[in-house]
Amino acid sequence: SLAVGRGASLPMIGKLFGHSQWSTTQRYAHLADDILRRINDETG
C-alpha cells in the first residue's frame, strides 16, 4: 500500500514480492482514501 502511494506500479510491486500473477499483487496494494483524494484533486 505504501509503495503504491509513492507511485510504484503494481507490476513493480509484484516483482518485489515475487508474484507471478497480477491478481495476487492487487490484494496487497490497498489505496488509502487520502491518496485517492490527492490524485483526484491534482488531476482535476
PDB file of all heavy atoms in Angstrom:
ATOM      1  N   SER A   1       0.820  -1.212   0.000  1.00  0.00           N
ATOM      2  CA  SER A   1       0.000   0.000   0.000  1.00  0.00           C
ATOM      3  C   SER A   1       0.853   1.262   0.000  1.00  0.00           C
ATOM      4  O   SER A   1       0.572   2.211  -0.733  1.00  0.00           O
ATOM      5  CB  SER A   1      -0.924   0.011   1.228  1.00  0.00           C
ATOM      6  OG  SER A   1      -1.818  -1.069   1.162  1.00  0.00           O
ATOM      7  N   LEU A   2       1.902   1.262   0.806  1.00  0.00           N
ATOM      8  CA  LEU A   2       2.803   2.418   0.846  1.00  0.00           C
ATOM      9  C   LEU A   2       3.514   2.603  -0.484  1.00  0.00           C
ATOM     10  O   LEU A   2       3.677   3.728  -0.959  1.00  0.00           O
ATOM     11  CB  LEU A   2       3.823   2.268   1.978  1.00  0.00           C
ATOM     12  CG  LEU A   2       3.260   2.393   3.390  1.00  0.00           C
ATOM     13  CD1 LEU A   2       4.310   1.968   4.419  1.00  0.00           C
ATOM     14  CD2 LEU A   2       2.799   3.810   3.654  1.00  0.00           C
ATOM     15  N   ALA A   3       3.932   1.507  -1.096  1.00  0.00           N
ATOM     16  CA  ALA A   3       4.631   1.592  -2.379  1.00  0.00           C
ATOM     17  C   ALA A   3       3.715   2.158  -3.460  1.00  0.00           C
ATOM     18  O   ALA A   3       4.130   3.005  -4.251  1.00  0.00           O
ATOM     19  CB  ALA A   3       5.159   0.222  -2.792  1.00  0.00           C
ATOM     20  N   VAL A   4       2.467   1.725  -3.493  1.00  0.00           N
ATOM     21  CA  VAL A   4       1.512   2.261  -4.459  1.00  0.00           C
ATOM     22  C   VAL A   4       1.313   3.752  -4.204  1.00  0.00           C
ATOM     23  O   VAL A   4       1.292   4.557  -5.135  1.00  0.00           O
ATOM     24  CB  VAL A   4       0.159   1.517  -4.391  1.00  0.00           C
ATOM     25  CG1 VAL A   4      -0.929   2.269  -5.136  1.00  0.00           C
ATOM     26  CG2 VAL A   4       0.298   0.133  -4.966  1.00  0.00           C
ATOM     27  N   GLY A   5       1.202   4.129  -2.955  1.00  0.00           N
ATOM     28  CA  GLY A   5       1.028   5.530  -2.594  1.00  0.00           C
ATOM     29  C   GLY A   5       2.205   6.401  -3.004  1.00  0.00           C
ATOM     30  O   GLY A   5       2.047   7.605  -3.219  1.00  0.00           O
ATOM     31  N   ARG A   6       3.377   5.799  -3.136  1.00  0.00           N
ATOM     32  CA  ARG A   6       4.576   6.539  -3.551  1.00  0.00           C
ATOM     33  C   ARG A   6       4.763   6.502  -5.065  1.00  0.00           C
ATOM     34  O   ARG A   6       5.740   6.998  -5.586  1.00  0.00           O
ATOM     35  CB  ARG A   6       5.817   5.962  -2.874  1.00  0.00           C
ATOM     36  CG  ARG A   6       5.781   5.961  -1.366  1.00  0.00           C
ATOM     37  CD  ARG A   6       6.288   7.203  -0.745  1.00  0.00           C
ATOM     38  NE  ARG A   6       7.637   7.485  -1.236  1.00  0.00           N
ATOM     39  CZ  ARG A   6       8.121   8.717  -1.307  1.00  0.00           C
ATOM     40  NH1 ARG A   6       7.403   9.726  -0.948  1.00  0.00           N
ATOM     41  NH2 ARG A   6       9.330   8.924  -1.752  1.00  0.00           N
ATOM     42  N   GLY A   7       3.823   5.873  -5.769  1.00  0.00           N
ATOM     43  CA  GLY A   7       3.862   5.879  -7.221  1.00  0.00           C
ATOM     44  C   GLY A   7       4.393   4.614  -7.871  1.00  0.00           C
ATOM     45  O   GLY A   7       4.501   4.553  -9.090  1.00  0.00           O
ATOM     46  N   ALA A   8       4.709   3.593  -7.101  1.00  0.00           N
ATOM     47  CA  ALA A   8       5.176   2.335  -7.694  1.00  0.00           C
ATOM     48  C   ALA A   8       4.001   1.643  -8.376  1.00  0.00           C
ATOM     49  O   ALA A   8       2.879   1.656  -7.874  1.00  0.00           O
ATOM     50  CB  ALA A   8       5.766   1.423  -6.624  1.00  0.00           C
ATOM     51  N   SER A   9       4.262   1.044  -9.513  1.00  0.00           N
ATOM     52  CA  SER A   9       3.208   0.340 -10.237  1.00  0.00           C
ATOM     53  C   SER A   9       2.992  -1.045  -9.619  1.00  0.00           C
ATOM     54  O   SER A   9       3.887  -1.591  -8.959  1.00  0.00           O
ATOM     55  CB  SER A   9       3.578   0.192 -11.705  1.00  0.00           C
ATOM     56  OG  SER A   9       4.687  -0.685 -11.846  1.00  0.00           O
ATOM     57  N   LEU A  10       1.821  -1.614  -9.854  1.00  0.00           N
ATOM     58  CA  LEU A  10       1.555  -2.957  -9.339  1.00  0.00           C
ATOM     59  C   LEU A  10       2.511  -3.994  -9.935  1.00  0.00           C
ATOM     60  O   LEU A  10       2.955  -4.889  -9.206  1.00  0.00           O
ATOM     61  CB  LEU A  10       0.100  -3.349  -9.575  1.00  0.00           C
ATOM     62  CG  LEU A  10      -0.912  -2.576  -8.723  1.00  0.00           C
ATOM     63  CD1 LEU A  10      -2.327  -3.046  -9.026  1.00  0.00           C
ATOM     64  CD2 LEU A  10      -0.622  -2.713  -7.247  1.00  0.00           C
ATOM     65  N   PRO A  11       2.885  -3.898 -11.232  1.00  0.00           N
ATOM     66  CA  PRO A  11       3.885  -4.857 -11.726  1.00  0.00           C
ATOM     67  C   PRO A  11       5.224  -4.755 -10.991  1.00  0.00           C
ATOM     68  O   PRO A  11       5.865  -5.763 -10.712  1.00  0.00           O
ATOM     69  CB  PRO A  11       4.036  -4.488 -13.208  1.00  0.00           C
ATOM     70  CG  PRO A  11       2.714  -3.892 -13.568  1.00  0.00           C
ATOM     71  CD  PRO A  11       2.287  -3.139 -12.335  1.00  0.00           C
ATOM     72  N   MET A  12       5.640  -3.523 -10.643  1.00  0.00           N
ATOM     73  CA  MET A  12       6.888  -3.353  -9.873  1.00  0.00           C
ATOM     74  C   MET A  12       6.769  -4.023  -8.512  1.00  0.00           C
ATOM     75  O   MET A  12       7.672  -4.738  -8.070  1.00  0.00           O
ATOM     76  CB  MET A  12       7.179  -1.873  -9.632  1.00  0.00           C
ATOM     77  CG  MET A  12       7.745  -1.124 -10.770  1.00  0.00           C
ATOM     78  SD  MET A  12       8.060   0.544 -10.124  1.00  0.00           S
ATOM     79  CE  MET A  12       8.107   1.448 -11.631  1.00  0.00           C
ATOM     80  N   ILE A  13       5.664  -3.762  -7.842  1.00  0.00           N
ATOM     81  CA  ILE A  13       5.460  -4.318  -6.501  1.00  0.00           C
ATOM     82  C   ILE A  13       5.378  -5.838  -6.574  1.00  0.00           C
ATOM     83  O   ILE A  13       5.940  -6.544  -5.743  1.00  0.00           O
ATOM     84  CB  ILE A  13       4.202  -3.715  -5.849  1.00  0.00           C
ATOM     85  CG1 ILE A  13       4.396  -2.210  -5.656  1.00  0.00           C
ATOM     86  CG2 ILE A  13       3.889  -4.398  -4.525  1.00  0.00           C
ATOM     87  CD1 ILE A  13       3.128  -1.465  -5.349  1.00  0.00           C
ATOM     88  N   GLY A  14       4.692  -6.338  -7.588  1.00  0.00           N
ATOM     89  CA  GLY A  14       4.595  -7.787  -7.772  1.00  0.00           C
ATOM     90  C   GLY A  14       5.962  -8.424  -7.933  1.00  0.00           C
ATOM     91  O   GLY A  14       6.233  -9.497  -7.389  1.00  0.00           O
ATOM     92  N   LYS A  15       6.843  -7.746  -8.655  1.00  0.00           N
ATOM     93  CA  LYS A  15       8.199  -8.266  -8.833  1.00  0.00           C
ATOM     94  C   LYS A  15       8.940  -8.281  -7.498  1.00  0.00           C
ATOM     95  O   LYS A  15       9.640  -9.240  -7.175  1.00  0.00           O
ATOM     96  CB  LYS A  15       8.944  -7.409  -9.847  1.00  0.00           C
ATOM     97  CG  LYS A  15       9.926  -8.164 -10.676  1.00  0.00           C
ATOM     98  CD  LYS A  15      10.264  -7.327 -11.890  1.00  0.00           C
ATOM     99  CE  LYS A  15      11.138  -7.951 -12.873  1.00  0.00           C
ATOM    100  NZ  LYS A  15      10.924  -9.110 -13.530  1.00  0.00           N
ATOM    101  N   LEU A  16       8.768  -7.218  -6.706  1.00  0.00           N
ATOM    102  CA  LEU A  16       9.392  -7.173  -5.385  1.00  0.00           C
ATOM    103  C   LEU A  16       8.909  -8.308  -4.492  1.00  0.00           C
ATOM    104  O   LEU A  16       9.677  -8.886  -3.726  1.00  0.00           O
ATOM    105  CB  LEU A  16       9.097  -5.835  -4.694  1.00  0.00           C
ATOM    106  CG  LEU A  16       9.795  -4.604  -5.253  1.00  0.00           C
ATOM    107  CD1 LEU A  16       9.210  -3.343  -4.607  1.00  0.00           C
ATOM    108  CD2 LEU A  16      11.286  -4.680  -5.005  1.00  0.00           C
ATOM    109  N   PHE A  17       7.615  -8.612  -4.599  1.00  0.00           N
ATOM    110  CA  PHE A  17       7.031  -9.659  -3.765  1.00  0.00           C
ATOM    111  C   PHE A  17       7.243 -11.062  -4.337  1.00  0.00           C
ATOM    112  O   PHE A  17       6.947 -12.047  -3.680  1.00  0.00           O
ATOM    113  CB  PHE A  17       5.523  -9.434  -3.609  1.00  0.00           C
ATOM    114  CG  PHE A  17       5.154  -8.313  -2.669  1.00  0.00           C
ATOM    115  CD1 PHE A  17       3.865  -7.810  -2.675  1.00  0.00           C
ATOM    116  CD2 PHE A  17       6.054  -7.757  -1.788  1.00  0.00           C
ATOM    117  CE1 PHE A  17       3.492  -6.790  -1.818  1.00  0.00           C
ATOM    118  CE2 PHE A  17       5.693  -6.732  -0.934  1.00  0.00           C
ATOM    119  CZ  PHE A  17       4.408  -6.254  -0.946  1.00  0.00           C
ATOM    120  N   GLY A  18       7.700 -11.131  -5.589  1.00  0.00           N
ATOM    121  CA  GLY A  18       7.881 -12.443  -6.204  1.00  0.00           C
ATOM    122  C   GLY A  18       6.585 -13.043  -6.720  1.00  0.00           C
ATOM    123  O   GLY A  18       6.487 -14.257  -6.887  1.00  0.00           O
ATOM    124  N   HIS A  19       5.599 -12.201  -7.001  1.00  0.00           N
ATOM    125  CA  HIS A  19       4.324 -12.686  -7.523  1.00  0.00           C
ATOM    126  C   HIS A  19       4.425 -12.929  -9.027  1.00  0.00           C
ATOM    127  O   HIS A  19       5.057 -12.157  -9.739  1.00  0.00           O
ATOM    128  CB  HIS A  19       3.205 -11.667  -7.279  1.00  0.00           C
ATOM    129  CG  HIS A  19       2.896 -11.461  -5.843  1.00  0.00           C
ATOM    130  ND1 HIS A  19       2.238 -10.352  -5.385  1.00  0.00           N
ATOM    131  CD2 HIS A  19       3.142 -12.213  -4.744  1.00  0.00           C
ATOM    132  CE1 HIS A  19       2.088 -10.433  -4.074  1.00  0.00           C
ATOM    133  NE2 HIS A  19       2.637 -11.552  -3.665  1.00  0.00           N
ATOM    134  N   SER A  20       3.767 -13.965  -9.491  1.00  0.00           N
ATOM    135  CA  SER A  20       3.739 -14.228 -10.930  1.00  0.00           C
ATOM    136  C   SER A  20       2.411 -13.783 -11.545  1.00  0.00           C
ATOM    137  O   SER A  20       2.292 -13.726 -12.759  1.00  0.00           O
ATOM    138  CB  SER A  20       3.967 -15.718 -11.204  1.00  0.00           C
ATOM    139  OG  SER A  20       2.959 -16.483 -10.572  1.00  0.00           O
ATOM    140  N   GLN A  21       1.416 -13.463 -10.703  1.00  0.00           N
ATOM    141  CA  GLN A  21       0.107 -13.062 -11.219  1.00  0.00           C
ATOM    142  C   GLN A  21      -0.285 -11.694 -10.681  1.00  0.00           C
ATOM    143  O   GLN A  21      -0.132 -11.404  -9.494  1.00  0.00           O
ATOM    144  CB  GLN A  21      -0.956 -14.088 -10.835  1.00  0.00           C
ATOM    145  CG  GLN A  21      -0.727 -15.425 -11.485  1.00  0.00           C
ATOM    146  CD  GLN A  21      -1.855 -16.385 -11.178  1.00  0.00           C
ATOM    147  OE1 GLN A  21      -2.658 -16.153 -10.281  1.00  0.00           O
ATOM    148  NE2 GLN A  21      -1.920 -17.466 -11.926  1.00  0.00           N
ATOM    149  N   TRP A  22      -0.817 -10.878 -11.572  1.00  0.00           N
ATOM    150  CA  TRP A  22      -1.272  -9.529 -11.261  1.00  0.00           C
ATOM    151  C   TRP A  22      -2.326  -9.527 -10.140  1.00  0.00           C
ATOM    152  O   TRP A  22      -2.307  -8.691  -9.253  1.00  0.00           O
ATOM    153  CB  TRP A  22      -1.827  -8.942 -12.553  1.00  0.00           C
ATOM    154  CG  TRP A  22      -2.793  -7.848 -12.466  1.00  0.00           C
ATOM    155  CD1 TRP A  22      -4.151  -7.963 -12.406  1.00  0.00           C
ATOM    156  CD2 TRP A  22      -2.527  -6.453 -12.460  1.00  0.00           C
ATOM    157  NE1 TRP A  22      -4.737  -6.730 -12.368  1.00  0.00           N
ATOM    158  CE2 TRP A  22      -3.745  -5.783 -12.403  1.00  0.00           C
ATOM    159  CE3 TRP A  22      -1.358  -5.710 -12.493  1.00  0.00           C
ATOM    160  CZ2 TRP A  22      -3.834  -4.404 -12.362  1.00  0.00           C
ATOM    161  CZ3 TRP A  22      -1.466  -4.335 -12.468  1.00  0.00           C
ATOM    162  CH2 TRP A  22      -2.681  -3.704 -12.407  1.00  0.00           C
ATOM    163  N   SER A  23      -3.243 -10.477 -10.176  1.00  0.00           N
ATOM    164  CA  SER A  23      -4.340 -10.502  -9.207  1.00  0.00           C
ATOM    165  C   SER A  23      -3.829 -10.699  -7.776  1.00  0.00           C
ATOM    166  O   SER A  23      -4.430 -10.203  -6.828  1.00  0.00           O
ATOM    167  CB  SER A  23      -5.349 -11.582  -9.554  1.00  0.00           C
ATOM    168  OG  SER A  23      -4.726 -12.856  -9.581  1.00  0.00           O
ATOM    169  N   THR A  24      -2.732 -11.395  -7.618  1.00  0.00           N
ATOM    170  CA  THR A  24      -2.159 -11.594  -6.285  1.00  0.00           C
ATOM    171  C   THR A  24      -1.663 -10.263  -5.729  1.00  0.00           C
ATOM    172  O   THR A  24      -1.938  -9.920  -4.576  1.00  0.00           O
ATOM    173  CB  THR A  24      -1.005 -12.605  -6.336  1.00  0.00           C
ATOM    174  OG1 THR A  24      -1.487 -13.820  -6.908  1.00  0.00           O
ATOM    175  CG2 THR A  24      -0.436 -12.874  -4.959  1.00  0.00           C
ATOM    176  N   THR A  25      -0.960  -9.507  -6.544  1.00  0.00           N
ATOM    177  CA  THR A  25      -0.415  -8.223  -6.106  1.00  0.00           C
ATOM    178  C   THR A  25      -1.523  -7.235  -5.787  1.00  0.00           C
ATOM    179  O   THR A  25      -1.415  -6.467  -4.828  1.00  0.00           O
ATOM    180  CB  THR A  25       0.516  -7.631  -7.179  1.00  0.00           C
ATOM    181  OG1 THR A  25       1.493  -8.620  -7.521  1.00  0.00           O
ATOM    182  CG2 THR A  25       1.231  -6.391  -6.675  1.00  0.00           C
ATOM    183  N   GLN A  26      -2.606  -7.253  -6.552  1.00  0.00           N
ATOM    184  CA  GLN A  26      -3.716  -6.330  -6.312  1.00  0.00           C
ATOM    185  C   GLN A  26      -4.243  -6.446  -4.889  1.00  0.00           C
ATOM    186  O   GLN A  26      -4.624  -5.458  -4.290  1.00  0.00           O
ATOM    187  CB  GLN A  26      -4.858  -6.601  -7.290  1.00  0.00           C
ATOM    188  CG  GLN A  26      -4.674  -5.949  -8.617  1.00  0.00           C
ATOM    189  CD  GLN A  26      -5.896  -6.134  -9.476  1.00  0.00           C
ATOM    190  OE1 GLN A  26      -6.319  -7.247  -9.747  1.00  0.00           O
ATOM    191  NE2 GLN A  26      -6.467  -5.030  -9.898  1.00  0.00           N
ATOM    192  N   ARG A  27      -4.256  -7.645  -4.340  1.00  0.00           N
ATOM    193  CA  ARG A  27      -4.775  -7.836  -2.981  1.00  0.00           C
ATOM    194  C   ARG A  27      -3.880  -7.186  -1.933  1.00  0.00           C
ATOM    195  O   ARG A  27      -4.323  -6.897  -0.827  1.00  0.00           O
ATOM    196  CB  ARG A  27      -4.935  -9.325  -2.690  1.00  0.00           C
ATOM    197  CG  ARG A  27      -6.036  -9.970  -3.502  1.00  0.00           C
ATOM    198  CD  ARG A  27      -6.364 -11.340  -2.969  1.00  0.00           C
ATOM    199  NE  ARG A  27      -5.232 -12.237  -3.030  1.00  0.00           N
ATOM    200  CZ  ARG A  27      -5.080 -13.211  -3.910  1.00  0.00           C
ATOM    201  NH1 ARG A  27      -6.000 -13.414  -4.821  1.00  0.00           N
ATOM    202  NH2 ARG A  27      -4.031 -13.979  -3.873  1.00  0.00           N
ATOM    203  N   TYR A  28      -2.618  -6.965  -2.263  1.00  0.00           N
ATOM    204  CA  TYR A  28      -1.691  -6.360  -1.318  1.00  0.00           C
ATOM    205  C   TYR A  28      -1.671  -4.845  -1.375  1.00  0.00           C
ATOM    206  O   TYR A  28      -1.168  -4.211  -0.476  1.00  0.00           O
ATOM    207  CB  TYR A  28      -0.262  -6.859  -1.584  1.00  0.00           C
ATOM    208  CG  TYR A  28       0.001  -8.232  -1.047  1.00  0.00           C
ATOM    209  CD1 TYR A  28      -0.290  -9.347  -1.802  1.00  0.00           C
ATOM    210  CD2 TYR A  28       0.527  -8.403   0.219  1.00  0.00           C
ATOM    211  CE1 TYR A  28      -0.047 -10.618  -1.313  1.00  0.00           C
ATOM    212  CE2 TYR A  28       0.773  -9.665   0.717  1.00  0.00           C
ATOM    213  CZ  TYR A  28       0.481 -10.769  -0.055  1.00  0.00           C
ATOM    214  OH  TYR A  28       0.721 -12.014   0.435  1.00  0.00           O
ATOM    215  N   ALA A  29      -2.136  -4.268  -2.433  1.00  0.00           N
ATOM    216  CA  ALA A  29      -1.933  -2.850  -2.672  1.00  0.00           C
ATOM    217  C   ALA A  29      -3.219  -2.057  -2.471  1.00  0.00           C
ATOM    218  O   ALA A  29      -3.869  -1.661  -3.420  1.00  0.00           O
ATOM    219  CB  ALA A  29      -1.381  -2.644  -4.077  1.00  0.00           C
ATOM    220  N   HIS A  30      -3.590  -1.845  -1.263  1.00  0.00           N
ATOM    221  CA  HIS A  30      -4.780  -1.071  -0.936  1.00  0.00           C
ATOM    222  C   HIS A  30      -4.437   0.414  -0.980  1.00  0.00           C
ATOM    223  O   HIS A  30      -3.451   0.832  -0.400  1.00  0.00           O
ATOM    224  CB  HIS A  30      -5.286  -1.420   0.467  1.00  0.00           C
ATOM    225  CG  HIS A  30      -5.456  -2.875   0.670  1.00  0.00           C
ATOM    226  ND1 HIS A  30      -6.483  -3.582   0.100  1.00  0.00           N
ATOM    227  CD2 HIS A  30      -4.718  -3.767   1.350  1.00  0.00           C
ATOM    228  CE1 HIS A  30      -6.369  -4.851   0.442  1.00  0.00           C
ATOM    229  NE2 HIS A  30      -5.308  -4.993   1.201  1.00  0.00           N
ATOM    230  N   LEU A  31      -5.254   1.169  -1.664  1.00  0.00           N
ATOM    231  CA  LEU A  31      -5.026   2.606  -1.726  1.00  0.00           C
ATOM    232  C   LEU A  31      -5.769   3.293  -0.594  1.00  0.00           C
ATOM    233  O   LEU A  31      -6.956   3.084  -0.400  1.00  0.00           O
ATOM    234  CB  LEU A  31      -5.511   3.165  -3.061  1.00  0.00           C
ATOM    235  CG  LEU A  31      -4.702   2.733  -4.269  1.00  0.00           C
ATOM    236  CD1 LEU A  31      -5.395   3.188  -5.536  1.00  0.00           C
ATOM    237  CD2 LEU A  31      -3.307   3.300  -4.207  1.00  0.00           C
ATOM    238  N   ALA A  32      -5.055   4.110   0.129  1.00  0.00           N
ATOM    239  CA  ALA A  32      -5.681   4.878   1.204  1.00  0.00           C
ATOM    240  C   ALA A  32      -6.550   5.977   0.590  1.00  0.00           C
ATOM    241  O   ALA A  32      -6.232   6.514  -0.468  1.00  0.00           O
ATOM    242  CB  ALA A  32      -4.610   5.481   2.099  1.00  0.00           C
ATOM    243  N   ASP A  33      -7.634   6.310   1.251  1.00  0.00           N
ATOM    244  CA  ASP A  33      -8.555   7.335   0.752  1.00  0.00           C
ATOM    245  C   ASP A  33      -7.863   8.672   0.521  1.00  0.00           C
ATOM    246  O   ASP A  33      -8.148   9.360  -0.449  1.00  0.00           O
ATOM    247  CB  ASP A  33      -9.721   7.532   1.718  1.00  0.00           C
ATOM    248  CG  ASP A  33     -10.705   6.366   1.689  1.00  0.00           C
ATOM    249  OD1 ASP A  33     -10.703   5.606   0.701  1.00  0.00           O
ATOM    250  OD2 ASP A  33     -11.459   6.227   2.657  1.00  0.00           O
ATOM    251  N   ASP A  34      -6.924   9.048   1.391  1.00  0.00           N
ATOM    252  CA  ASP A  34      -6.259  10.339   1.223  1.00  0.00           C
ATOM    253  C   ASP A  34      -5.404  10.370  -0.040  1.00  0.00           C
ATOM    254  O   ASP A  34      -5.294  11.397  -0.702  1.00  0.00           O
ATOM    255  CB  ASP A  34      -5.438  10.721   2.453  1.00  0.00           C
ATOM    256  CG  ASP A  34      -4.356   9.715   2.796  1.00  0.00           C
ATOM    257  OD1 ASP A  34      -4.554   8.514   2.580  1.00  0.00           O
ATOM    258  OD2 ASP A  34      -3.306  10.140   3.310  1.00  0.00           O
ATOM    259  N   ILE A  35      -4.834   9.236  -0.414  1.00  0.00           N
ATOM    260  CA  ILE A  35      -4.045   9.169  -1.645  1.00  0.00           C
ATOM    261  C   ILE A  35      -4.973   9.319  -2.849  1.00  0.00           C
ATOM    262  O   ILE A  35      -4.662  10.059  -3.793  1.00  0.00           O
ATOM    263  CB  ILE A  35      -3.254   7.851  -1.724  1.00  0.00           C
ATOM    264  CG1 ILE A  35      -2.210   7.806  -0.608  1.00  0.00           C
ATOM    265  CG2 ILE A  35      -2.604   7.672  -3.095  1.00  0.00           C
ATOM    266  CD1 ILE A  35      -1.586   6.444  -0.407  1.00  0.00           C
ATOM    267  N   LEU A  36      -6.112   8.644  -2.816  1.00  0.00           N
ATOM    268  CA  LEU A  36      -7.073   8.769  -3.911  1.00  0.00           C
ATOM    269  C   LEU A  36      -7.571  10.199  -4.045  1.00  0.00           C
ATOM    270  O   LEU A  36      -7.685  10.733  -5.155  1.00  0.00           O
ATOM    271  CB  LEU A  36      -8.262   7.823  -3.691  1.00  0.00           C
ATOM    272  CG  LEU A  36      -7.952   6.336  -3.787  1.00  0.00           C
ATOM    273  CD1 LEU A  36      -9.174   5.519  -3.381  1.00  0.00           C
ATOM    274  CD2 LEU A  36      -7.515   5.971  -5.194  1.00  0.00           C
ATOM    275  N   ARG A  37      -7.838  10.850  -2.913  1.00  0.00           N
ATOM    276  CA  ARG A  37      -8.291  12.248  -2.947  1.00  0.00           C
ATOM    277  C   ARG A  37      -7.217  13.154  -3.539  1.00  0.00           C
ATOM    278  O   ARG A  37      -7.511  14.031  -4.345  1.00  0.00           O
ATOM    279  CB  ARG A  37      -8.649  12.734  -1.539  1.00  0.00           C
ATOM    280  CG  ARG A  37     -10.121  12.578  -1.237  1.00  0.00           C
ATOM    281  CD  ARG A  37     -10.491  13.267   0.076  1.00  0.00           C
ATOM    282  NE  ARG A  37     -10.999  12.237   0.964  1.00  0.00           N
ATOM    283  CZ  ARG A  37     -10.341  11.648   1.952  1.00  0.00           C
ATOM    284  NH1 ARG A  37      -9.141  12.019   2.272  1.00  0.00           N
ATOM    285  NH2 ARG A  37     -10.891  10.715   2.665  1.00  0.00           N
ATOM    286  N   ARG A  38      -5.971  12.936  -3.143  1.00  0.00           N
ATOM    287  CA  ARG A  38      -4.883  13.762  -3.652  1.00  0.00           C
ATOM    288  C   ARG A  38      -4.743  13.605  -5.163  1.00  0.00           C
ATOM    289  O   ARG A  38      -4.627  14.588  -5.896  1.00  0.00           O
ATOM    290  CB  ARG A  38      -3.566  13.395  -2.972  1.00  0.00           C
ATOM    291  CG  ARG A  38      -2.436  14.368  -3.343  1.00  0.00           C
ATOM    292  CD  ARG A  38      -1.073  13.901  -2.890  1.00  0.00           C
ATOM    293  NE  ARG A  38      -0.626  12.906  -3.860  1.00  0.00           N
ATOM    294  CZ  ARG A  38      -0.026  11.767  -3.556  1.00  0.00           C
ATOM    295  NH1 ARG A  38       0.207  11.449  -2.307  1.00  0.00           N
ATOM    296  NH2 ARG A  38       0.346  10.925  -4.481  1.00  0.00           N
ATOM    297  N   ILE A  39      -4.776  12.371  -5.654  1.00  0.00           N
ATOM    298  CA  ILE A  39      -4.667  12.127  -7.090  1.00  0.00           C
ATOM    299  C   ILE A  39      -5.850  12.759  -7.817  1.00  0.00           C
ATOM    300  O   ILE A  39      -5.685  13.391  -8.863  1.00  0.00           O
ATOM    301  CB  ILE A  39      -4.576  10.619  -7.384  1.00  0.00           C
ATOM    302  CG1 ILE A  39      -3.240  10.081  -6.880  1.00  0.00           C
ATOM    303  CG2 ILE A  39      -4.754  10.335  -8.878  1.00  0.00           C
ATOM    304  CD1 ILE A  39      -3.153   8.571  -6.873  1.00  0.00           C
ATOM    305  N   ASN A  40      -7.036  12.622  -7.265  1.00  0.00           N
ATOM    306  CA  ASN A  40      -8.226  13.221  -7.871  1.00  0.00           C
ATOM    307  C   ASN A  40      -8.082  14.738  -7.946  1.00  0.00           C
ATOM    308  O   ASN A  40      -8.334  15.349  -8.991  1.00  0.00           O
ATOM    309  CB  ASN A  40      -9.466  12.837  -7.064  1.00  0.00           C
ATOM    310  CG  ASN A  40     -10.725  13.382  -7.664  1.00  0.00           C
ATOM    311  OD1 ASN A  40     -11.081  13.043  -8.789  1.00  0.00           O
ATOM    312  ND2 ASN A  40     -11.403  14.250  -6.927  1.00  0.00           N
ATOM    313  N   ASP A  41      -7.669  15.365  -6.856  1.00  0.00           N
ATOM    314  CA  ASP A  41      -7.523  16.822  -6.816  1.00  0.00           C
ATOM    315  C   ASP A  41      -6.438  17.301  -7.781  1.00  0.00           C
ATOM    316  O   ASP A  41      -6.641  18.266  -8.515  1.00  0.00           O
ATOM    317  CB  ASP A  41      -7.199  17.297  -5.393  1.00  0.00           C
ATOM    318  CG  ASP A  41      -8.360  17.101  -4.437  1.00  0.00           C
ATOM    319  OD1 ASP A  41      -9.496  16.861  -4.893  1.00  0.00           O
ATOM    320  OD2 ASP A  41      -8.114  17.181  -3.209  1.00  0.00           O
ATOM    321  N   GLU A  42      -5.284  16.617  -7.771  1.00  0.00           N
ATOM    322  CA  GLU A  42      -4.193  17.031  -8.651  1.00  0.00           C
ATOM    323  C   GLU A  42      -4.581  16.875 -10.123  1.00  0.00           C
ATOM    324  O   GLU A  42      -4.277  17.740 -10.946  1.00  0.00           O
ATOM    325  CB  GLU A  42      -2.930  16.214  -8.357  1.00  0.00           C
ATOM    326  CG  GLU A  42      -2.277  16.582  -7.038  1.00  0.00           C
ATOM    327  CD  GLU A  42      -1.117  15.657  -6.674  1.00  0.00           C
ATOM    328  OE1 GLU A  42      -0.810  14.719  -7.457  1.00  0.00           O
ATOM    329  OE2 GLU A  42      -0.531  15.867  -5.602  1.00  0.00           O
ATOM    330  N   THR A  43      -5.249  15.790 -10.457  1.00  0.00           N
ATOM    331  CA  THR A  43      -5.671  15.570 -11.840  1.00  0.00           C
ATOM    332  C   THR A  43      -6.707  16.596 -12.254  1.00  0.00           C
ATOM    333  O   THR A  43      -6.636  17.155 -13.354  1.00  0.00           O
ATOM    334  CB  THR A  43      -6.214  14.138 -12.015  1.00  0.00           C
ATOM    335  OG1 THR A  43      -5.210  13.210 -11.595  1.00  0.00           O
ATOM    336  CG2 THR A  43      -6.607  13.861 -13.450  1.00  0.00           C
ATOM    337  N   GLY A  44      -7.650  16.880 -11.380  1.00  0.00           N
ATOM    338  CA  GLY A  44      -8.657  17.901 -11.671  1.00  0.00           C
ATOM    339  C   GLY A  44      -8.041  19.276 -11.850  1.00  0.00           C
ATOM    340  O   GLY A  44      -8.418  20.021 -12.768  1.00  0.00           O
TER     341      GLY A  44
END
